[in-house]
């Protein structure tokens, strides 16, 4: 596969990530701000939007994780000189983030169906168990994508070594990744979740535009062949 095609795939993946985060932010801010208010808010969203809620969870979880993996592939392949260990670590974290997102999507979908069934059958004890599952989900997510946060920090350090893009963009990526981890582990930072989402959107859009308008760099393998 040519470097031009690899770079195009990376640009599409970056734009897809940005679009997913935009959809997520708009939903949380305006369409269903009570989606993580249990049980009343989640019940209202399930009843009002039905299967669209499953589509939304697919967009903000597996689709984001898969797009990050494709973007990682582009950024790692366009490497000169190669940083084998660091690039392998970035790729490994991207795979972990994808697995986490797939697991979250599966648990969210099954929990929603279980909660809806239990609610209408008045199984109060079982409903409480589902609430416990939801509380774990909130702790694992907390409006951030912790796997992608770690990947974002590592990838931007990697890009600093490679001198790809502009240093300001790399500093932004590291800052957004660190903020996401802080939001996850410290509830006092939860009010910054939309700042975090905005930073994610800006970073992925900027990387997508950069990949779309610039020529692919010559890689280490290209240099060996010349």
Protein backbone atom coordinates (compact mmCIF):
# COMPACT_ATOMS: atom_id res chain seq x y z
CA UNK A 1 0.00 0.00 0.00
CA UNK A 2 1.35 3.42 -0.97
CA UNK A 3 2.16 6.08 1.61
CA UNK A 4 -0.45 8.35 0.03
CA UNK A 5 -3.21 5.80 0.59
CA UNK A 6 -2.05 5.11 4.15
CA UNK A 7 -2.10 8.83 4.88
CA UNK A 8 -5.59 9.17 3.38
CA UNK A 9 -6.82 6.36 5.63
CA UNK A 10 -5.31 8.16 8.59
CA UNK A 11 -7.07 11.41 7.66
CA UNK A 12 -10.42 9.62 7.32
CA UNK A 13 -9.86 7.90 10.68
CA UNK A 14 -9.03 11.22 12.38
CA UNK A 15 -12.12 12.92 10.92
CA UNK A 16 -14.24 9.92 12.00
CA UNK A 17 -12.94 10.21 15.56
CA UNK A 18 -13.72 13.93 15.60
CA UNK A 19 -17.23 13.30 14.25
CA UNK A 20 -17.85 10.62 16.90
CA UNK A 21 -16.79 12.94 19.70
CA UNK A 22 -18.97 15.72 18.27
CA UNK A 23 -21.96 13.36 18.23
CA UNK A 24 -21.18 12.31 21.79
CA UNK A 25 -20.80 15.88 23.04
CA UNK A 26 -23.98 17.12 21.34
CA UNK A 27 -25.94 14.19 22.77
CA UNK A 28 -24.65 14.70 26.31
CA UNK A 29 -25.12 18.47 26.19
CA UNK A 30 -28.45 18.93 24.41
CA UNK A 31 -30.21 15.75 23.26
CA UNK A 32 -29.99 13.47 26.31
CA UNK A 33 -28.18 15.25 29.16
CA UNK A 34 -29.82 12.88 31.65
CA UNK A 35 -28.56 9.70 30.01
CA UNK A 36 -26.27 9.00 32.98
CA UNK A 37 -28.92 9.86 35.57
CA UNK A 38 -30.09 6.51 36.92
CA UNK A 39 -32.69 5.17 36.86
CA UNK A 40 -35.10 7.91 35.67
CA UNK A 41 -32.89 9.53 33.04
CA UNK A 42 -31.67 6.31 31.47
CA UNK A 43 -35.21 4.91 31.38
CA UNK A 44 -36.48 8.04 29.61
CA UNK A 45 -33.70 7.86 27.01
CA UNK A 46 -34.26 4.14 26.38
CA UNK A 47 -38.00 4.60 25.94
CA UNK A 48 -37.69 7.70 23.77
CA UNK A 49 -34.85 6.69 21.46
CA UNK A 50 -34.90 2.89 21.56
CA UNK A 51 -32.46 1.34 19.09
CA UNK A 52 -30.88 4.74 18.41
CA UNK A 53 -29.30 4.51 21.85
CA UNK A 54 -27.52 1.32 20.75
CA UNK A 55 -26.35 3.10 17.59
CA UNK A 56 -25.06 5.98 19.72
CA UNK A 57 -23.14 3.61 21.98
CA UNK A 58 -21.64 1.95 18.90
CA UNK A 59 -20.50 5.33 17.58
CA UNK A 60 -18.89 6.53 20.81
CA UNK A 61 -17.27 3.21 21.68
CA UNK A 62 -16.26 0.65 18.98
CA UNK A 63 -16.21 3.12 16.07
CA UNK A 64 -13.96 5.51 17.99
CA UNK A 65 -11.64 2.70 19.07
CA UNK A 66 -11.40 1.28 15.55
CA UNK A 67 -10.72 4.73 14.06
CA UNK A 68 -7.95 5.37 16.61
CA UNK A 69 -6.37 2.05 15.64
CA UNK A 70 -6.34 3.04 11.94
CA UNK A 71 -4.95 6.48 12.78
CA UNK A 72 -2.26 4.86 14.92
CA UNK A 73 -1.33 2.64 11.96
CA UNK A 74 -0.86 5.68 9.74
CA UNK A 75 1.21 7.65 12.24
CA UNK A 76 3.41 4.65 13.11
CA UNK A 77 4.02 3.65 9.49
CA UNK A 78 5.08 7.19 8.59
CA UNK A 79 8.14 6.94 10.81
CA UNK A 80 11.70 8.00 10.11
CA UNK A 81 13.86 6.89 11.79
CA UNK A 82 11.90 4.00 13.29
CA UNK A 83 11.28 3.91 17.05
CA UNK A 84 10.40 0.24 17.33
CA UNK A 85 9.73 -0.08 21.06
CA UNK A 86 7.76 3.14 21.41
CA UNK A 87 5.67 2.53 18.29
CA UNK A 88 4.87 -0.98 19.51
CA UNK A 89 3.73 0.46 22.85
CA UNK A 90 1.47 2.99 21.09
CA UNK A 91 -0.04 0.24 18.95
CA UNK A 92 -0.57 -2.02 21.97
CA UNK A 93 -2.39 0.75 23.85
CA UNK A 94 -4.54 1.42 20.75
CA UNK A 95 -5.57 -2.25 20.72
CA UNK A 96 -6.32 -2.13 24.46
CA UNK A 97 -8.46 0.98 23.92
CA UNK A 98 -10.40 -0.80 21.17
CA UNK A 99 -10.97 -3.86 23.36
CA UNK A 100 -12.14 -1.61 26.20
CA UNK A 101 -14.56 0.20 23.88
CA UNK A 102 -15.99 -3.06 22.53
CA UNK A 103 -16.47 -4.34 26.09
CA UNK A 104 -18.15 -1.08 27.14
CA UNK A 105 -20.48 -1.19 24.14
CA UNK A 106 -21.45 -4.79 24.87
CA UNK A 107 -22.07 -4.17 28.57
CA UNK A 108 -24.00 -0.94 27.93
CA UNK A 109 -26.25 -2.63 25.35
CA UNK A 110 -26.98 -5.72 27.46
CA UNK A 111 -27.50 -3.63 30.61
CA UNK A 112 -30.00 -1.38 28.87
CA UNK A 113 -32.05 -4.33 27.67
CA UNK A 114 -31.87 -6.00 31.08
CA UNK A 115 -32.83 -2.79 32.89
CA UNK A 116 -35.82 -2.20 30.63
CA UNK A 117 -37.09 -5.75 31.10
CA UNK A 118 -36.63 -5.66 34.87
CA UNK A 119 -38.32 -2.28 35.19
CA UNK A 120 -41.53 -3.36 33.49
CA UNK A 121 -41.57 -6.69 35.34
CA UNK A 122 -41.05 -4.87 38.67
CA UNK A 123 -38.05 -6.96 39.70
CA UNK A 124 -36.77 -4.47 42.24
CA UNK A 125 -33.88 -6.59 43.49
CA UNK A 126 -32.66 -7.34 39.99
CA UNK A 127 -33.09 -3.70 39.02
CA UNK A 128 -30.80 -2.73 41.89
CA UNK A 129 -28.20 -5.16 40.56
CA UNK A 130 -28.42 -3.48 37.17
CA UNK A 131 -27.93 -0.11 38.90
CA UNK A 132 -24.71 -1.52 40.34
CA UNK A 133 -23.57 -2.42 36.83
CA UNK A 134 -24.36 1.11 35.67
CA UNK A 135 -22.34 2.59 38.53
CA UNK A 136 -19.33 0.51 37.48
CA UNK A 137 -19.80 1.67 33.89
CA UNK A 138 -19.80 5.30 34.99
CA UNK A 139 -16.60 4.72 36.97
CA UNK A 140 -14.93 3.06 33.99
CA UNK A 141 -15.92 5.84 31.65
CA UNK A 142 -16.76 9.08 33.50
CA UNK A 143 -17.27 10.89 30.16
CA UNK A 144 -13.71 10.12 29.11
CA UNK A 145 -12.04 7.43 27.02
CA UNK A 146 -9.20 6.46 29.36
CA UNK A 147 -7.60 4.03 26.91
CA UNK A 148 -7.56 6.70 24.22
CA UNK A 149 -6.31 9.23 26.80
CA UNK A 150 -3.24 7.08 27.46
CA UNK A 151 -2.77 6.52 23.73
CA UNK A 152 -3.06 10.27 23.10
CA UNK A 153 -0.28 11.02 25.59
CA UNK A 154 2.02 8.33 24.21
CA UNK A 155 1.33 9.14 20.56
CA UNK A 156 1.99 12.84 20.99
CA UNK A 157 5.28 12.12 22.77
CA UNK A 158 6.07 9.81 19.85
CA UNK A 159 5.21 12.59 17.38
CA UNK A 160 7.45 15.00 19.30
CA UNK A 161 10.35 12.59 18.77
CA UNK A 162 9.39 12.39 15.09
CA UNK A 163 8.91 16.17 14.76
CA UNK A 164 5.61 15.57 13.01
CA UNK A 165 2.97 18.31 12.89
CA UNK A 166 3.38 21.40 15.10
CA UNK A 167 4.62 21.19 18.72
CA UNK A 168 1.54 23.12 19.89
CA UNK A 169 -0.67 20.32 18.53
CA UNK A 170 1.40 17.72 20.36
CA UNK A 171 1.27 19.69 23.61
CA UNK A 172 -2.52 19.96 23.18
CA UNK A 173 -2.78 16.20 22.70
CA UNK A 174 -0.75 15.46 25.83
CA UNK A 175 -2.76 18.01 27.85
CA UNK A 176 -6.08 16.53 26.69
CA UNK A 177 -4.91 13.00 27.53
CA UNK A 178 -3.78 14.04 31.01
CA UNK A 179 -7.06 15.92 31.57
CA UNK A 180 -9.04 12.82 30.60
CA UNK A 181 -7.19 10.73 33.18
CA UNK A 182 -7.78 13.42 35.83
CA UNK A 183 -11.51 13.52 35.03
CA UNK A 184 -11.65 9.74 35.37
CA UNK A 185 -9.88 9.47 38.73
CA UNK A 186 -10.85 12.75 40.42
CA UNK A 187 -14.49 13.81 40.57
CA UNK A 188 -13.48 17.43 41.20
CA UNK A 189 -12.45 17.62 37.53
CA UNK A 190 -15.80 16.38 36.16
CA UNK A 191 -16.90 19.93 35.38
CA UNK A 192 -14.15 20.03 32.74
CA UNK A 193 -15.55 17.09 30.76
CA UNK A 194 -16.80 19.30 27.91
CA UNK A 195 -13.43 21.09 27.83
CA UNK A 196 -11.91 17.63 27.48
CA UNK A 197 -14.31 16.69 24.67
CA UNK A 198 -13.63 19.98 22.88
CA UNK A 199 -9.89 19.35 23.10
CA UNK A 200 -10.35 15.86 21.66
CA UNK A 201 -12.38 17.23 18.76
CA UNK A 202 -9.83 19.98 18.01
CA UNK A 203 -6.91 17.53 18.12
CA UNK A 204 -8.46 14.92 15.82
CA UNK A 205 -9.73 17.58 13.39
CA UNK A 206 -6.30 19.22 13.26
CA UNK A 207 -4.52 15.92 12.64
CA UNK A 208 -7.08 15.00 9.97
CA UNK A 209 -6.64 18.31 8.16
CA UNK A 210 -2.86 18.05 8.40
CA UNK A 211 -2.85 14.54 6.95
CA UNK A 212 -5.31 15.54 4.22
CA UNK A 213 -3.40 18.59 2.92
CA UNK A 214 0.26 17.62 3.34
CA UNK A 215 2.39 15.26 1.29
CA UNK A 216 3.34 11.94 2.92
CA UNK A 217 6.82 12.01 4.50
CA UNK A 218 9.52 9.72 3.19
CA UNK A 219 9.80 6.76 5.54
CA UNK A 220 12.82 4.80 6.69
CA UNK A 221 12.04 2.03 4.20
CA UNK A 222 11.77 4.59 1.39
CA UNK A 223 15.17 6.01 2.32
CA UNK A 224 16.74 2.55 2.27
CA UNK A 225 15.40 1.97 -1.21
CA UNK A 226 16.85 5.19 -2.68
